[in-house]
Amino acid sequence: MRNDDSTSDVFTALSSPVRRQILQELRDGELAAGDIAGRFPVSGPTISRHLSVLRGAGLVTERRDANRILYSLVGDRLALSVGDFLSAVCPEQMVLRGIQKAAATTEIEATA
């Protein structure tokens, strides 16, 4: 793994269902903080704290546009962090067996 603290921040950020949902909301592009807050049954300051955690973990960026703050996902940050973690804890043989098992299952389903 590249940076244990960095990966820890990502997993801390992902521990909240609200933060995971915010990431899903941002998958189609940037959104204003108010638009994000309007999608959740919690207060604006609560959403602001969630966005701060996501920003601190490097999962989202913000930019100002006049009086609005727009948030967007940070490229491959999540995939790279999770990938680094998995490669550190999963022996290569287990990963390969999983791929082979998935391929065999797909082949069986295709012939059925």
Protein backbone atom coordinates (compact mmCIF):
# COMPACT_ATOMS: atom_id res chain seq x y z
CA MET A 1 0.00 0.00 0.00
CA ARG A 2 1.18 3.50 -0.74
CA ASN A 3 0.04 5.36 2.36
CA ASP A 4 -1.67 3.69 5.30
CA ASP A 5 -3.11 6.98 6.62
CA SER A 6 -4.50 7.84 3.21
CA THR A 7 -6.15 4.44 2.83
CA SER A 8 -7.47 4.66 6.37
CA ASP A 9 -9.05 8.03 5.54
CA VAL A 10 -10.78 6.48 2.54
CA PHE A 11 -12.21 3.60 4.56
CA THR A 12 -13.29 5.99 7.32
CA ALA A 13 -15.08 8.08 4.71
CA LEU A 14 -16.77 4.98 3.31
CA SER A 15 -17.99 3.88 6.74
CA SER A 16 -20.99 6.22 6.53
CA PRO A 17 -24.01 5.27 4.39
CA VAL A 18 -24.67 8.98 3.78
CA ARG A 19 -21.15 9.53 2.45
CA ARG A 20 -21.39 6.46 0.23
CA GLN A 21 -24.67 7.82 -1.15
CA ILE A 22 -23.08 11.23 -1.77
CA LEU A 23 -20.38 9.52 -3.83
CA GLN A 24 -23.09 7.75 -5.84
CA GLU A 25 -24.91 11.04 -6.39
CA LEU A 26 -21.70 12.54 -7.79
CA ARG A 27 -20.97 9.72 -10.24
CA ASP A 28 -22.73 11.56 -13.09
CA GLY A 29 -20.89 14.82 -12.55
CA GLU A 30 -20.45 17.74 -10.21
CA LEU A 31 -23.22 19.03 -7.99
CA ALA A 32 -23.65 22.13 -5.88
CA ALA A 33 -23.56 21.63 -2.12
CA GLY A 34 -27.19 22.77 -1.87
CA ASP A 35 -28.28 20.25 -4.50
CA ILE A 36 -26.52 17.48 -2.61
CA ALA A 37 -28.10 18.56 0.69
CA GLY A 38 -31.55 18.62 -0.95
CA ARG A 39 -31.28 14.90 -1.69
CA PHE A 40 -30.97 13.89 1.96
CA PRO A 41 -33.30 14.12 4.98
CA VAL A 42 -30.57 15.67 7.15
CA SER A 43 -29.51 19.26 7.79
CA GLY A 44 -27.24 21.26 5.52
CA PRO A 45 -24.50 21.49 8.16
CA THR A 46 -24.55 17.69 8.52
CA ILE A 47 -24.07 17.28 4.76
CA SER A 48 -21.31 19.88 4.91
CA ARG A 49 -19.49 17.78 7.53
CA HIS A 50 -19.89 14.67 5.37
CA LEU A 51 -18.49 16.54 2.36
CA SER A 52 -15.58 17.70 4.49
CA VAL A 53 -14.73 14.09 5.41
CA LEU A 54 -14.94 13.04 1.75
CA ARG A 55 -12.73 15.98 0.74
CA GLY A 56 -10.22 15.16 3.50
CA ALA A 57 -10.01 11.58 2.22
CA GLY A 58 -9.31 12.89 -1.27
CA LEU A 59 -12.49 11.39 -2.71
CA VAL A 60 -14.11 14.66 -3.79
CA THR A 61 -12.91 18.09 -4.82
CA GLU A 62 -14.66 21.40 -4.53
CA ARG A 63 -14.59 24.52 -6.63
CA ARG A 64 -16.29 27.83 -6.19
CA ASP A 65 -18.60 29.24 -8.82
CA ALA A 66 -19.76 32.68 -7.67
CA ASN A 67 -21.59 31.96 -4.40
CA ARG A 68 -21.91 28.21 -4.95
CA ILE A 69 -19.56 25.40 -4.01
CA LEU A 70 -19.51 22.59 -6.55
CA TYR A 71 -18.33 19.08 -5.66
CA SER A 72 -17.08 16.33 -7.95
CA LEU A 73 -15.48 12.91 -7.62
CA VAL A 74 -11.71 12.58 -7.74
CA GLY A 75 -10.89 10.34 -10.70
CA ASP A 76 -9.72 6.91 -9.69
CA ARG A 77 -8.94 7.71 -6.05
CA LEU A 78 -11.48 5.25 -4.62
CA ALA A 79 -10.59 2.42 -7.00
CA LEU A 80 -6.85 2.86 -6.42
CA SER A 81 -7.23 2.93 -2.63
CA VAL A 82 -9.43 -0.14 -2.50
CA GLY A 83 -7.26 -1.89 -5.10
CA ASP A 84 -4.10 -1.22 -3.09
CA PHE A 85 -5.77 -2.58 0.04
CA LEU A 86 -7.02 -5.72 -1.71
CA SER A 87 -3.66 -6.42 -3.30
CA ALA A 88 -2.03 -6.13 0.13
CA VAL A 89 -4.41 -8.52 1.89
CA CYS A 90 -5.40 -10.98 -0.84
CA PRO A 91 -2.78 -13.45 -1.97
CA GLU A 92 -2.52 -13.48 -5.75
CA GLN A 93 -3.53 -17.16 -5.88
CA MET A 94 -6.84 -16.38 -4.16
CA VAL A 95 -7.55 -13.59 -6.62
CA LEU A 96 -6.71 -15.86 -9.56
CA ARG A 97 -8.90 -18.65 -8.16
CA GLY A 98 -11.75 -16.18 -7.81
CA ILE A 99 -11.35 -15.08 -11.42
CA GLN A 100 -11.18 -18.69 -12.61
CA LYS A 101 -14.26 -19.60 -10.56
CA ALA A 102 -16.19 -16.64 -11.97
CA ALA A 103 -15.17 -17.59 -15.52
CA ALA A 104 -16.22 -21.23 -14.96
CA THR A 105 -19.59 -20.11 -13.55
CA THR A 106 -20.14 -17.84 -16.56
CA GLU A 107 -19.23 -20.68 -18.92
CA ILE A 108 -21.66 -23.08 -17.20
CA GLU A 109 -24.45 -20.49 -17.31
CA ALA A 110 -23.78 -19.82 -21.01
CA THR A 111 -24.10 -23.52 -21.92
CA ALA A 112 -27.22 -24.09 -19.82
